[in-house]
Amino acid sequence: MQTSKTFSIHFWLNLAKKKGNSAPIYARITVNGKRAEISLKRDILVTYWDTKSKRAKPRTPGAKMLNAYLDVLVFCK
């Protein structure tokens, strides 16, 4: 019998901890259906976050560096 293992990482803004217009970025890691959430210790303005792509909007200040950082986290798995 073969077992199936799953792994995924999703990024999201924790709006419950929003301060002013910025919110902290969190990563939700799921392994075999079990979830863990960790803070990435980075904040972004809510209007600069693209909820569909789960990344910073490309034409916003610092977006290139932040999205590169998120890509590094995904590809290190």
N, C-alpha and C. Protein backbone atom coordinates (compact mmCIF):
# COMPACT_ATOMS: atom_id res chain seq x y z
N MET A 1 0.84 -1.18 0.00
CA MET A 1 0.00 0.00 0.00
C MET A 1 0.89 1.25 0.00
N GLN A 2 0.54 2.19 -0.85
CA GLN A 2 1.31 3.42 -0.96
C GLN A 2 0.59 4.55 -0.20
N THR A 3 1.36 5.34 0.55
CA THR A 3 0.76 6.45 1.27
C THR A 3 1.02 7.75 0.51
N SER A 4 0.09 8.67 0.64
CA SER A 4 0.21 9.96 -0.02
C SER A 4 0.56 11.02 1.02
N LYS A 5 1.57 11.83 0.72
CA LYS A 5 1.96 12.90 1.63
C LYS A 5 1.76 14.23 0.93
N THR A 6 1.27 15.19 1.67
CA THR A 6 1.03 16.51 1.09
C THR A 6 1.79 17.57 1.86
N PHE A 7 2.14 18.63 1.16
CA PHE A 7 2.84 19.76 1.76
C PHE A 7 2.44 21.01 0.99
N SER A 8 2.08 22.06 1.71
CA SER A 8 1.76 23.33 1.04
C SER A 8 2.07 24.50 1.96
N ILE A 9 2.38 25.64 1.33
CA ILE A 9 2.62 26.89 2.05
C ILE A 9 1.73 27.95 1.42
N HIS A 10 0.99 28.67 2.26
CA HIS A 10 0.16 29.78 1.81
C HIS A 10 0.48 31.00 2.64
N PHE A 11 0.55 32.15 1.98
CA PHE A 11 0.82 33.40 2.67
C PHE A 11 -0.46 34.19 2.80
N TRP A 12 -0.62 34.89 3.92
CA TRP A 12 -1.82 35.68 4.15
C TRP A 12 -1.53 36.79 5.15
N LEU A 13 -2.39 37.78 5.14
CA LEU A 13 -2.27 38.89 6.08
C LEU A 13 -3.14 38.58 7.29
N ASN A 14 -2.59 38.75 8.46
CA ASN A 14 -3.37 38.55 9.68
C ASN A 14 -4.02 39.89 10.03
N LEU A 15 -5.23 40.08 9.53
CA LEU A 15 -5.93 41.35 9.72
C LEU A 15 -6.36 41.56 11.17
N ALA A 16 -6.38 40.52 11.96
CA ALA A 16 -6.73 40.66 13.37
C ALA A 16 -5.63 41.43 14.12
N LYS A 17 -4.41 41.40 13.58
CA LYS A 17 -3.29 42.09 14.22
C LYS A 17 -2.89 43.36 13.45
N LYS A 18 -3.81 43.86 12.67
CA LYS A 18 -3.57 45.04 11.85
C LYS A 18 -3.34 46.26 12.73
N LYS A 19 -2.33 47.06 12.39
CA LYS A 19 -2.04 48.31 13.09
C LYS A 19 -2.05 49.43 12.06
N GLY A 20 -3.01 50.31 12.17
CA GLY A 20 -3.15 51.36 11.17
C GLY A 20 -3.55 50.74 9.85
N ASN A 21 -2.76 50.98 8.81
CA ASN A 21 -3.04 50.41 7.49
C ASN A 21 -2.17 49.21 7.16
N SER A 22 -1.27 48.81 8.07
CA SER A 22 -0.40 47.68 7.78
C SER A 22 -0.78 46.46 8.62
N ALA A 23 -0.49 45.30 8.05
CA ALA A 23 -0.80 44.04 8.73
C ALA A 23 0.38 43.11 8.58
N PRO A 24 0.61 42.23 9.55
CA PRO A 24 1.72 41.28 9.46
C PRO A 24 1.43 40.16 8.46
N ILE A 25 2.49 39.69 7.81
CA ILE A 25 2.36 38.59 6.86
C ILE A 25 2.63 37.29 7.61
N TYR A 26 1.76 36.34 7.42
CA TYR A 26 1.88 35.02 8.04
C TYR A 26 2.00 33.96 6.96
N ALA A 27 2.60 32.84 7.32
CA ALA A 27 2.66 31.67 6.45
C ALA A 27 1.90 30.54 7.13
N ARG A 28 1.06 29.90 6.37
CA ARG A 28 0.35 28.72 6.86
C ARG A 28 0.95 27.51 6.16
N ILE A 29 1.53 26.63 6.95
CA ILE A 29 2.18 25.44 6.42
C ILE A 29 1.29 24.25 6.74
N THR A 30 0.97 23.48 5.72
CA THR A 30 0.12 22.30 5.89
C THR A 30 0.89 21.06 5.46
N VAL A 31 0.97 20.09 6.37
CA VAL A 31 1.62 18.81 6.07
C VAL A 31 0.65 17.71 6.47
N ASN A 32 0.26 16.93 5.48
CA ASN A 32 -0.67 15.82 5.70
C ASN A 32 -1.93 16.26 6.45
N GLY A 33 -2.44 17.42 6.11
CA GLY A 33 -3.68 17.91 6.71
C GLY A 33 -3.52 18.63 8.04
N LYS A 34 -2.33 18.66 8.60
CA LYS A 34 -2.10 19.37 9.86
C LYS A 34 -1.49 20.73 9.56
N ARG A 35 -2.07 21.78 10.18
CA ARG A 35 -1.66 23.14 9.89
C ARG A 35 -0.86 23.77 11.02
N ALA A 36 0.05 24.64 10.61
CA ALA A 36 0.79 25.47 11.56
C ALA A 36 0.91 26.86 10.92
N GLU A 37 0.78 27.89 11.75
CA GLU A 37 0.89 29.25 11.26
C GLU A 37 2.06 29.94 11.94
N ILE A 38 2.87 30.63 11.15
CA ILE A 38 4.01 31.34 11.70
C ILE A 38 4.04 32.76 11.12
N SER A 39 4.51 33.68 11.94
CA SER A 39 4.69 35.05 11.49
C SER A 39 6.00 35.14 10.73
N LEU A 40 6.00 35.90 9.65
CA LEU A 40 7.23 36.11 8.88
C LEU A 40 7.97 37.35 9.35
N LYS A 41 7.45 38.01 10.39
CA LYS A 41 8.07 39.20 10.97
C LYS A 41 8.21 40.33 9.95
N ARG A 42 7.26 40.40 9.03
CA ARG A 42 7.23 41.46 8.04
C ARG A 42 5.81 42.00 7.94
N ASP A 43 5.71 43.31 7.75
CA ASP A 43 4.41 43.97 7.60
C ASP A 43 4.32 44.56 6.21
N ILE A 44 3.07 44.75 5.77
CA ILE A 44 2.82 45.39 4.48
C ILE A 44 1.51 46.16 4.60
N LEU A 45 1.41 47.24 3.85
CA LEU A 45 0.15 47.97 3.80
C LEU A 45 -0.90 47.06 3.17
N VAL A 46 -2.08 47.06 3.73
CA VAL A 46 -3.15 46.18 3.26
C VAL A 46 -3.47 46.45 1.79
N THR A 47 -3.40 47.71 1.37
CA THR A 47 -3.72 48.04 -0.02
C THR A 47 -2.64 47.56 -0.99
N TYR A 48 -1.45 47.24 -0.50
CA TYR A 48 -0.37 46.76 -1.36
C TYR A 48 -0.39 45.24 -1.52
N TRP A 49 -1.26 44.54 -0.81
CA TRP A 49 -1.31 43.07 -0.83
C TRP A 49 -2.35 42.60 -1.84
N ASP A 50 -1.96 41.66 -2.69
CA ASP A 50 -2.88 41.05 -3.66
C ASP A 50 -3.38 39.73 -3.08
N THR A 51 -4.63 39.70 -2.66
CA THR A 51 -5.16 38.50 -2.00
C THR A 51 -5.29 37.33 -2.96
N LYS A 52 -5.46 37.59 -4.23
CA LYS A 52 -5.61 36.51 -5.19
C LYS A 52 -4.28 35.77 -5.41
N SER A 53 -3.21 36.52 -5.60
CA SER A 53 -1.91 35.89 -5.86
C SER A 53 -1.13 35.62 -4.57
N LYS A 54 -1.63 36.16 -3.45
CA LYS A 54 -0.98 36.01 -2.14
C LYS A 54 0.46 36.52 -2.16
N ARG A 55 0.62 37.67 -2.78
CA ARG A 55 1.91 38.35 -2.92
C ARG A 55 1.66 39.86 -2.87
N ALA A 56 2.75 40.61 -2.77
CA ALA A 56 2.65 42.06 -2.85
C ALA A 56 2.33 42.45 -4.29
N LYS A 57 1.53 43.48 -4.46
CA LYS A 57 1.23 43.95 -5.82
C LYS A 57 2.53 44.41 -6.46
N PRO A 58 2.77 44.04 -7.72
CA PRO A 58 4.08 44.24 -8.34
C PRO A 58 4.57 45.69 -8.42
N ARG A 59 3.69 46.64 -8.53
CA ARG A 59 4.13 48.03 -8.73
C ARG A 59 4.06 48.86 -7.46
N THR A 60 4.30 48.23 -6.33
CA THR A 60 4.29 48.94 -5.06
C THR A 60 5.71 48.97 -4.49
N PRO A 61 5.99 49.94 -3.62
CA PRO A 61 7.35 50.04 -3.07
C PRO A 61 7.76 48.79 -2.29
N GLY A 62 8.91 48.26 -2.60
CA GLY A 62 9.44 47.10 -1.90
C GLY A 62 8.85 45.77 -2.31
N ALA A 63 7.97 45.78 -3.30
CA ALA A 63 7.28 44.55 -3.70
C ALA A 63 8.24 43.52 -4.28
N LYS A 64 9.20 43.98 -5.07
CA LYS A 64 10.12 43.04 -5.71
C LYS A 64 10.92 42.27 -4.67
N MET A 65 11.41 42.98 -3.67
CA MET A 65 12.21 42.33 -2.63
C MET A 65 11.34 41.41 -1.75
N LEU A 66 10.14 41.84 -1.40
CA LEU A 66 9.26 41.02 -0.57
C LEU A 66 8.83 39.76 -1.31
N ASN A 67 8.45 39.89 -2.57
CA ASN A 67 8.03 38.72 -3.34
C ASN A 67 9.19 37.76 -3.56
N ALA A 68 10.39 38.28 -3.71
CA ALA A 68 11.57 37.40 -3.83
C ALA A 68 11.78 36.64 -2.53
N TYR A 69 11.58 37.31 -1.40
CA TYR A 69 11.71 36.65 -0.10
C TYR A 69 10.67 35.54 0.05
N LEU A 70 9.43 35.79 -0.37
CA LEU A 70 8.39 34.76 -0.29
C LEU A 70 8.71 33.59 -1.21
N ASP A 71 9.27 33.88 -2.38
CA ASP A 71 9.66 32.80 -3.29
C ASP A 71 10.75 31.93 -2.69
N VAL A 72 11.69 32.53 -1.99
CA VAL A 72 12.76 31.77 -1.34
C VAL A 72 12.17 30.81 -0.30
N LEU A 73 11.19 31.29 0.44
CA LEU A 73 10.55 30.43 1.45
C LEU A 73 9.85 29.24 0.81
N VAL A 74 9.20 29.47 -0.32
CA VAL A 74 8.47 28.39 -1.00
C VAL A 74 9.42 27.38 -1.60
N PHE A 75 10.50 27.84 -2.21
CA PHE A 75 11.40 26.92 -2.89
C PHE A 75 12.40 26.24 -1.97
N CYS A 76 12.43 26.63 -0.71
CA CYS A 76 13.31 25.96 0.25
C CYS A 76 12.70 24.69 0.80
N LYS A 77 11.47 24.40 0.43
CA LYS A 77 10.83 23.20 0.95
C LYS A 77 11.50 22.02 0.36
